Every structure is written in structure tokens, then in C-alpha cells.
PDB file of all heavy atoms in Angstrom:
ATOM      1  N   PRO A   1       5.373   4.911 -15.721  1.00  0.00           N
ATOM      2  CA  PRO A   1       4.489   3.810 -16.127  1.00  0.00           C
ATOM      3  C   PRO A   1       5.005   2.435 -15.730  1.00  0.00           C
ATOM      4  O   PRO A   1       4.221   1.509 -15.539  1.00  0.00           O
ATOM      5  CB  PRO A   1       4.395   3.964 -17.645  1.00  0.00           C
ATOM      6  CG  PRO A   1       5.567   4.809 -18.034  1.00  0.00           C
ATOM      7  CD  PRO A   1       5.823   5.699 -16.878  1.00  0.00           C
ATOM      8  N   GLU A   2       6.331   2.291 -15.605  1.00  0.00           N
ATOM      9  CA  GLU A   2       6.892   0.974 -15.279  1.00  0.00           C
ATOM     10  C   GLU A   2       6.702   0.609 -13.797  1.00  0.00           C
ATOM     11  O   GLU A   2       6.861  -0.551 -13.424  1.00  0.00           O
ATOM     12  CB  GLU A   2       8.374   0.906 -15.642  1.00  0.00           C
ATOM     13  CG  GLU A   2       9.294   1.824 -14.849  1.00  0.00           C
ATOM     14  CD  GLU A   2       9.413   3.216 -15.450  1.00  0.00           C
ATOM     15  OE1 GLU A   2       8.622   3.539 -16.363  1.00  0.00           O
ATOM     16  OE2 GLU A   2      10.298   3.985 -14.998  1.00  0.00           O
ATOM     17  N   GLU A   3       6.375   1.585 -12.973  1.00  0.00           N
ATOM     18  CA  GLU A   3       6.183   1.301 -11.552  1.00  0.00           C
ATOM     19  C   GLU A   3       4.807   0.698 -11.290  1.00  0.00           C
ATOM     20  O   GLU A   3       3.809   1.123 -11.871  1.00  0.00           O
ATOM     21  CB  GLU A   3       6.332   2.584 -10.723  1.00  0.00           C
ATOM     22  CG  GLU A   3       7.748   3.083 -10.607  1.00  0.00           C
ATOM     23  CD  GLU A   3       7.872   4.178  -9.550  1.00  0.00           C
ATOM     24  OE1 GLU A   3       7.017   4.222  -8.637  1.00  0.00           O
ATOM     25  OE2 GLU A   3       8.821   4.973  -9.647  1.00  0.00           O
ATOM     26  N   LYS A   4       4.757  -0.278 -10.396  1.00  0.00           N
ATOM     27  CA  LYS A   4       3.472  -0.863 -10.020  1.00  0.00           C
ATOM     28  C   LYS A   4       2.692   0.139  -9.167  1.00  0.00           C
ATOM     29  O   LYS A   4       3.252   0.860  -8.357  1.00  0.00           O
ATOM     30  CB  LYS A   4       3.675  -2.162  -9.254  1.00  0.00           C
ATOM     31  CG  LYS A   4       4.230  -3.294 -10.108  1.00  0.00           C
ATOM     32  CD  LYS A   4       4.331  -4.586  -9.306  1.00  0.00           C
ATOM     33  CE  LYS A   4       4.847  -5.721 -10.170  1.00  0.00           C
ATOM     34  NZ  LYS A   4       4.950  -6.996  -9.410  1.00  0.00           N
ATOM     35  N   LYS A   5       1.367   0.140  -9.369  1.00  0.00           N
ATOM     36  CA  LYS A   5       0.526   1.139  -8.700  1.00  0.00           C
ATOM     37  C   LYS A   5      -0.454   0.502  -7.713  1.00  0.00           C
ATOM     38  O   LYS A   5      -1.440   1.130  -7.327  1.00  0.00           O
ATOM     39  CB  LYS A   5      -0.269   1.947  -9.739  1.00  0.00           C
ATOM     40  CG  LYS A   5       0.523   2.464 -10.933  1.00  0.00           C
ATOM     41  CD  LYS A   5       1.609   3.418 -10.540  1.00  0.00           C
ATOM     42  CE  LYS A   5       2.243   4.122 -11.729  1.00  0.00           C
ATOM     43  NZ  LYS A   5       2.768   3.262 -12.783  1.00  0.00           N
ATOM     44  N   THR A   6      -0.215  -0.727  -7.291  1.00  0.00           N
ATOM     45  CA  THR A   6      -1.087  -1.319  -6.290  1.00  0.00           C
ATOM     46  C   THR A   6      -0.958  -0.533  -4.993  1.00  0.00           C
ATOM     47  O   THR A   6       0.050   0.146  -4.752  1.00  0.00           O
ATOM     48  CB  THR A   6      -0.731  -2.786  -6.024  1.00  0.00           C
ATOM     49  OG1 THR A   6       0.586  -2.841  -5.445  1.00  0.00           O
ATOM     50  CG2 THR A   6      -0.762  -3.608  -7.308  1.00  0.00           C
ATOM     51  N   LEU A   7      -1.965  -0.650  -4.140  1.00  0.00           N
ATOM     52  CA  LEU A   7      -1.900   0.058  -2.865  1.00  0.00           C
ATOM     53  C   LEU A   7      -0.695  -0.404  -2.053  1.00  0.00           C
ATOM     54  O   LEU A   7      -0.023   0.405  -1.408  1.00  0.00           O
ATOM     55  CB  LEU A   7      -3.200  -0.156  -2.080  1.00  0.00           C
ATOM     56  CG  LEU A   7      -3.330   0.630  -0.774  1.00  0.00           C
ATOM     57  CD1 LEU A   7      -3.234   2.135  -1.011  1.00  0.00           C
ATOM     58  CD2 LEU A   7      -4.634   0.282  -0.063  1.00  0.00           C
ATOM     59  N   GLN A   8      -0.417  -1.699  -2.105  1.00  0.00           N
ATOM     60  CA  GLN A   8       0.730  -2.224  -1.368  1.00  0.00           C
ATOM     61  C   GLN A   8       2.035  -1.605  -1.867  1.00  0.00           C
ATOM     62  O   GLN A   8       2.878  -1.169  -1.068  1.00  0.00           O
ATOM     63  CB  GLN A   8       0.794  -3.739  -1.486  1.00  0.00           C
ATOM     64  CG  GLN A   8       1.974  -4.371  -0.772  1.00  0.00           C
ATOM     65  CD  GLN A   8       2.000  -4.021   0.711  1.00  0.00           C
ATOM     66  OE1 GLN A   8       1.003  -4.206   1.405  1.00  0.00           O
ATOM     67  NE2 GLN A   8       3.117  -3.507   1.193  1.00  0.00           N
ATOM     68  N   CYS A   9       2.226  -1.565  -3.169  1.00  0.00           N
ATOM     69  CA  CYS A   9       3.458  -1.005  -3.725  1.00  0.00           C
ATOM     70  C   CYS A   9       3.597   0.482  -3.393  1.00  0.00           C
ATOM     71  O   CYS A   9       4.695   0.957  -3.079  1.00  0.00           O
ATOM     72  CB  CYS A   9       3.488  -1.217  -5.235  1.00  0.00           C
ATOM     73  SG  CYS A   9       3.745  -2.940  -5.729  1.00  0.00           S
ATOM     74  N   LEU A  10       2.494   1.207  -3.440  1.00  0.00           N
ATOM     75  CA  LEU A  10       2.548   2.635  -3.135  1.00  0.00           C
ATOM     76  C   LEU A  10       2.762   2.879  -1.640  1.00  0.00           C
ATOM     77  O   LEU A  10       3.445   3.838  -1.250  1.00  0.00           O
ATOM     78  CB  LEU A  10       1.267   3.317  -3.620  1.00  0.00           C
ATOM     79  CG  LEU A  10       1.117   3.349  -5.145  1.00  0.00           C
ATOM     80  CD1 LEU A  10      -0.262   3.855  -5.535  1.00  0.00           C
ATOM     81  CD2 LEU A  10       2.201   4.213  -5.787  1.00  0.00           C
ATOM     82  N   CYS A  11       2.202   2.012  -0.810  1.00  0.00           N
ATOM     83  CA  CYS A  11       2.467   2.125   0.629  1.00  0.00           C
ATOM     84  C   CYS A  11       3.945   1.881   0.917  1.00  0.00           C
ATOM     85  O   CYS A  11       4.556   2.562   1.749  1.00  0.00           O
ATOM     86  CB  CYS A  11       1.604   1.134   1.402  1.00  0.00           C
ATOM     87  SG  CYS A  11      -0.128   1.642   1.582  1.00  0.00           S
ATOM     88  N   ASP A  12       4.533   0.901   0.233  1.00  0.00           N
ATOM     89  CA  ASP A  12       5.970   0.645   0.388  1.00  0.00           C
ATOM     90  C   ASP A  12       6.790   1.840  -0.097  1.00  0.00           C
ATOM     91  O   ASP A  12       7.766   2.244   0.551  1.00  0.00           O
ATOM     92  CB  ASP A  12       6.366  -0.610  -0.382  1.00  0.00           C
ATOM     93  CG  ASP A  12       5.797  -1.882   0.232  1.00  0.00           C
ATOM     94  OD1 ASP A  12       5.394  -1.849   1.413  1.00  0.00           O
ATOM     95  OD2 ASP A  12       5.748  -2.902  -0.487  1.00  0.00           O
ATOM     96  N   ARG A  13       6.393   2.388  -1.229  1.00  0.00           N
ATOM     97  CA  ARG A  13       7.127   3.503  -1.827  1.00  0.00           C
ATOM     98  C   ARG A  13       7.136   4.721  -0.910  1.00  0.00           C
ATOM     99  O   ARG A  13       8.160   5.395  -0.748  1.00  0.00           O
ATOM    100  CB  ARG A  13       6.482   3.868  -3.174  1.00  0.00           C
ATOM    101  CG  ARG A  13       7.253   4.901  -3.999  1.00  0.00           C
ATOM    102  CD  ARG A  13       6.428   5.251  -5.239  1.00  0.00           C
ATOM    103  NE  ARG A  13       7.211   5.783  -6.316  1.00  0.00           N
ATOM    104  CZ  ARG A  13       7.549   7.067  -6.458  1.00  0.00           C
ATOM    105  NH1 ARG A  13       7.195   7.937  -5.538  1.00  0.00           N
ATOM    106  NH2 ARG A  13       8.250   7.461  -7.513  1.00  0.00           N
ATOM    107  N   TYR A  14       6.002   5.013  -0.294  1.00  0.00           N
ATOM    108  CA  TYR A  14       5.869   6.221   0.521  1.00  0.00           C
ATOM    109  C   TYR A  14       5.907   5.933   2.022  1.00  0.00           C
ATOM    110  O   TYR A  14       5.613   6.823   2.830  1.00  0.00           O
ATOM    111  CB  TYR A  14       4.568   6.951   0.159  1.00  0.00           C
ATOM    112  CG  TYR A  14       4.593   7.531  -1.238  1.00  0.00           C
ATOM    113  CD1 TYR A  14       3.874   6.938  -2.271  1.00  0.00           C
ATOM    114  CD2 TYR A  14       5.345   8.664  -1.526  1.00  0.00           C
ATOM    115  CE1 TYR A  14       3.886   7.464  -3.553  1.00  0.00           C
ATOM    116  CE2 TYR A  14       5.371   9.202  -2.811  1.00  0.00           C
ATOM    117  CZ  TYR A  14       4.649   8.595  -3.820  1.00  0.00           C
ATOM    118  OH  TYR A  14       4.671   9.132  -5.090  1.00  0.00           O
ATOM    119  N   GLU A  15       6.263   4.708   2.371  1.00  0.00           N
ATOM    120  CA  GLU A  15       6.418   4.303   3.775  1.00  0.00           C
ATOM    121  C   GLU A  15       5.146   4.563   4.591  1.00  0.00           C
ATOM    122  O   GLU A  15       5.174   5.113   5.695  1.00  0.00           O
ATOM    123  CB  GLU A  15       7.620   5.022   4.411  1.00  0.00           C
ATOM    124  CG  GLU A  15       8.939   4.671   3.721  1.00  0.00           C
ATOM    125  CD  GLU A  15      10.136   5.337   4.387  1.00  0.00           C
ATOM    126  OE1 GLU A  15       9.921   6.258   5.203  1.00  0.00           O
ATOM    127  OE2 GLU A  15      11.271   4.939   4.091  1.00  0.00           O
ATOM    128  N   ILE A  16       4.032   4.165   4.002  1.00  0.00           N
ATOM    129  CA  ILE A  16       2.741   4.229   4.696  1.00  0.00           C
ATOM    130  C   ILE A  16       2.540   2.903   5.418  1.00  0.00           C
ATOM    131  O   ILE A  16       2.524   1.844   4.789  1.00  0.00           O
ATOM    132  CB  ILE A  16       1.591   4.486   3.701  1.00  0.00           C
ATOM    133  CG1 ILE A  16       1.774   5.829   2.998  1.00  0.00           C
ATOM    134  CG2 ILE A  16       0.243   4.432   4.416  1.00  0.00           C
ATOM    135  CD1 ILE A  16       0.795   6.071   1.868  1.00  0.00           C
ATOM    136  N   ARG A  17       2.361   2.955   6.704  1.00  0.00           N
ATOM    137  CA  ARG A  17       2.256   1.733   7.500  1.00  0.00           C
ATOM    138  C   ARG A  17       0.793   1.298   7.633  1.00  0.00           C
ATOM    139  O   ARG A  17      -0.094   2.115   7.865  1.00  0.00           O
ATOM    140  CB  ARG A  17       2.856   1.943   8.888  1.00  0.00           C
ATOM    141  CG  ARG A  17       4.353   2.246   8.873  1.00  0.00           C
ATOM    142  CD  ARG A  17       4.895   2.345  10.283  1.00  0.00           C
ATOM    143  NE  ARG A  17       4.751   1.079  11.006  1.00  0.00           N
ATOM    144  CZ  ARG A  17       5.070   0.910  12.283  1.00  0.00           C
ATOM    145  NH1 ARG A  17       5.531   1.945  12.988  1.00  0.00           N
ATOM    146  NH2 ARG A  17       4.922  -0.252  12.866  1.00  0.00           N
ATOM    147  N   ARG A  18       0.588  -0.002   7.463  1.00  0.00           N
ATOM    148  CA  ARG A  18      -0.736  -0.601   7.693  1.00  0.00           C
ATOM    149  C   ARG A  18      -0.561  -1.770   8.653  1.00  0.00           C
ATOM    150  O   ARG A  18       0.275  -2.643   8.423  1.00  0.00           O
ATOM    151  CB  ARG A  18      -1.348  -1.112   6.390  1.00  0.00           C
ATOM    152  CG  ARG A  18      -1.810  -0.034   5.444  1.00  0.00           C
ATOM    153  CD  ARG A  18      -2.425  -0.649   4.201  1.00  0.00           C
ATOM    154  NE  ARG A  18      -1.449  -1.399   3.419  1.00  0.00           N
ATOM    155  CZ  ARG A  18      -1.762  -2.205   2.397  1.00  0.00           C
ATOM    156  NH1 ARG A  18      -3.017  -2.393   2.072  1.00  0.00           N
ATOM    157  NH2 ARG A  18      -0.822  -2.841   1.730  1.00  0.00           N
ATOM    158  N   GLU A  19      -1.364  -1.791   9.693  1.00  0.00           N
ATOM    159  CA  GLU A  19      -1.279  -2.897  10.638  1.00  0.00           C
ATOM    160  C   GLU A  19      -1.800  -4.182  10.012  1.00  0.00           C
ATOM    161  O   GLU A  19      -1.252  -5.262  10.216  1.00  0.00           O
ATOM    162  CB  GLU A  19      -2.070  -2.575  11.897  1.00  0.00           C
ATOM    163  CG  GLU A  19      -1.929  -3.630  12.989  1.00  0.00           C
ATOM    164  CD  GLU A  19      -2.634  -3.244  14.273  1.00  0.00           C
ATOM    165  OE1 GLU A  19      -3.083  -2.076  14.373  1.00  0.00           O
ATOM    166  OE2 GLU A  19      -2.738  -4.101  15.177  1.00  0.00           O
ATOM    167  N   HIS A  20      -2.867  -4.060   9.225  1.00  0.00           N
ATOM    168  CA  HIS A  20      -3.469  -5.230   8.575  1.00  0.00           C
ATOM    169  C   HIS A  20      -3.679  -4.915   7.097  1.00  0.00           C
ATOM    170  O   HIS A  20      -4.509  -4.071   6.750  1.00  0.00           O
ATOM    171  CB  HIS A  20      -4.807  -5.592   9.216  1.00  0.00           C
ATOM    172  CG  HIS A  20      -4.719  -5.872  10.679  1.00  0.00           C
ATOM    173  ND1 HIS A  20      -4.116  -7.000  11.186  1.00  0.00           N
ATOM    174  CD2 HIS A  20      -5.153  -5.159  11.752  1.00  0.00           C
ATOM    175  CE1 HIS A  20      -4.187  -6.987  12.500  1.00  0.00           C
ATOM    176  NE2 HIS A  20      -4.798  -5.880  12.875  1.00  0.00           N
ATOM    177  N   ARG A  21      -2.938  -5.586   6.243  1.00  0.00           N
ATOM    178  CA  ARG A  21      -3.116  -5.405   4.806  1.00  0.00           C
ATOM    179  C   ARG A  21      -4.383  -6.107   4.350  1.00  0.00           C
ATOM    180  O   ARG A  21      -4.747  -7.150   4.851  1.00  0.00           O
ATOM    181  CB  ARG A  21      -1.916  -5.971   4.052  1.00  0.00           C
ATOM    182  CG  ARG A  21      -0.595  -5.301   4.406  1.00  0.00           C
ATOM    183  CD  ARG A  21       0.556  -5.980   3.708  1.00  0.00           C
ATOM    184  NE  ARG A  21       1.834  -5.392   4.079  1.00  0.00           N
ATOM    185  CZ  ARG A  21       3.022  -5.840   3.638  1.00  0.00           C
ATOM    186  NH1 ARG A  21       3.070  -6.874   2.829  1.00  0.00           N
ATOM    187  NH2 ARG A  21       4.132  -5.233   4.016  1.00  0.00           N
ATOM    188  N   HIS A  22      -5.036  -5.503   3.366  1.00  0.00           N
ATOM    189  CA  HIS A  22      -6.273  -6.047   2.799  1.00  0.00           C
ATOM    190  C   HIS A  22      -7.362  -6.190   3.852  1.00  0.00           C
ATOM    191  O   HIS A  22      -8.170  -7.126   3.797  1.00  0.00           O
ATOM    192  CB  HIS A  22      -6.014  -7.381   2.098  1.00  0.00           C
ATOM    193  CG  HIS A  22      -5.099  -7.255   0.926  1.00  0.00           C
ATOM    194  ND1 HIS A  22      -5.458  -6.590  -0.227  1.00  0.00           N
ATOM    195  CD2 HIS A  22      -3.830  -7.693   0.733  1.00  0.00           C
ATOM    196  CE1 HIS A  22      -4.445  -6.632  -1.082  1.00  0.00           C
ATOM    197  NE2 HIS A  22      -3.452  -7.283  -0.525  1.00  0.00           N
ATOM    198  N   ARG A  23      -7.383  -5.267   4.809  1.00  0.00           N
ATOM    199  CA  ARG A  23      -8.522  -5.103   5.698  1.00  0.00           C
ATOM    200  C   ARG A  23      -9.073  -3.710   5.439  1.00  0.00           C
ATOM    201  O   ARG A  23      -8.330  -2.746   5.225  1.00  0.00           O
ATOM    202  CB  ARG A  23      -8.130  -5.297   7.157  1.00  0.00           C
ATOM    203  CG  ARG A  23      -7.752  -6.739   7.490  1.00  0.00           C
ATOM    204  CD  ARG A  23      -8.912  -7.720   7.259  1.00  0.00           C
ATOM    205  NE  ARG A  23     -10.085  -7.388   8.063  1.00  0.00           N
ATOM    206  CZ  ARG A  23     -10.264  -7.850   9.286  1.00  0.00           C
ATOM    207  NH1 ARG A  23      -9.356  -8.641   9.854  1.00  0.00           N
ATOM    208  NH2 ARG A  23     -11.370  -7.525   9.940  1.00  0.00           N
ATOM    209  N   ALA A  24     -10.388  -3.604   5.450  1.00  0.00           N
ATOM    210  CA  ALA A  24     -11.048  -2.431   4.895  1.00  0.00           C
ATOM    211  C   ALA A  24     -10.638  -1.114   5.552  1.00  0.00           C
ATOM    212  O   ALA A  24     -10.292  -0.146   4.858  1.00  0.00           O
ATOM    213  CB  ALA A  24     -12.567  -2.616   4.968  1.00  0.00           C
ATOM    214  N   LEU A  25     -10.682  -1.043   6.876  1.00  0.00           N
ATOM    215  CA  LEU A  25     -10.382   0.227   7.528  1.00  0.00           C
ATOM    216  C   LEU A  25      -8.919   0.618   7.351  1.00  0.00           C
ATOM    217  O   LEU A  25      -8.607   1.790   7.099  1.00  0.00           O
ATOM    218  CB  LEU A  25     -10.734   0.154   9.020  1.00  0.00           C
ATOM    219  CG  LEU A  25     -10.553   1.458   9.804  1.00  0.00           C
ATOM    220  CD1 LEU A  25     -11.349   2.597   9.178  1.00  0.00           C
ATOM    221  CD2 LEU A  25     -10.970   1.267  11.263  1.00  0.00           C
ATOM    222  N   ASP A  26      -8.010  -0.349   7.456  1.00  0.00           N
ATOM    223  CA  ASP A  26      -6.578  -0.057   7.266  1.00  0.00           C
ATOM    224  C   ASP A  26      -6.316   0.457   5.851  1.00  0.00           C
ATOM    225  O   ASP A  26      -5.526   1.390   5.652  1.00  0.00           O
ATOM    226  CB  ASP A  26      -5.757  -1.310   7.529  1.00  0.00           C
ATOM    227  CG  ASP A  26      -5.775  -1.712   8.988  1.00  0.00           C
ATOM    228  OD1 ASP A  26      -6.799  -2.232   9.444  1.00  0.00           O
ATOM    229  OD2 ASP A  26      -4.766  -1.500   9.672  1.00  0.00           O
ATOM    230  N   ASP A  27      -6.965  -0.147   4.866  1.00  0.00           N
ATOM    231  CA  ASP A  27      -6.756   0.277   3.483  1.00  0.00           C
ATOM    232  C   ASP A  27      -7.393   1.633   3.203  1.00  0.00           C
ATOM    233  O   ASP A  27      -6.873   2.424   2.410  1.00  0.00           O
ATOM    234  CB  ASP A  27      -7.311  -0.777   2.521  1.00  0.00           C
ATOM    235  CG  ASP A  27      -6.420  -2.013   2.450  1.00  0.00           C
ATOM    236  OD1 ASP A  27      -5.377  -2.034   3.123  1.00  0.00           O
ATOM    237  OD2 ASP A  27      -6.775  -2.966   1.723  1.00  0.00           O
TER     238      ASP A  27
END
């Protein structure tokens, strides 16, 4: 529960790469 669950935090946690953050297709 103490971990942040935003898409950005989860992408960092699982090393998911996005070329453009907060762009629809990348997300």
C-alpha cells in the first residue's frame, strides 16, 4: 500500500519504456 501506483511509478518499477510520457498511444 505504501508504494505509489501511478503509471509512471509502475513503469519505473518494472522498467517499461515509454518514448513519450502522457501521450495516449505510449500510455
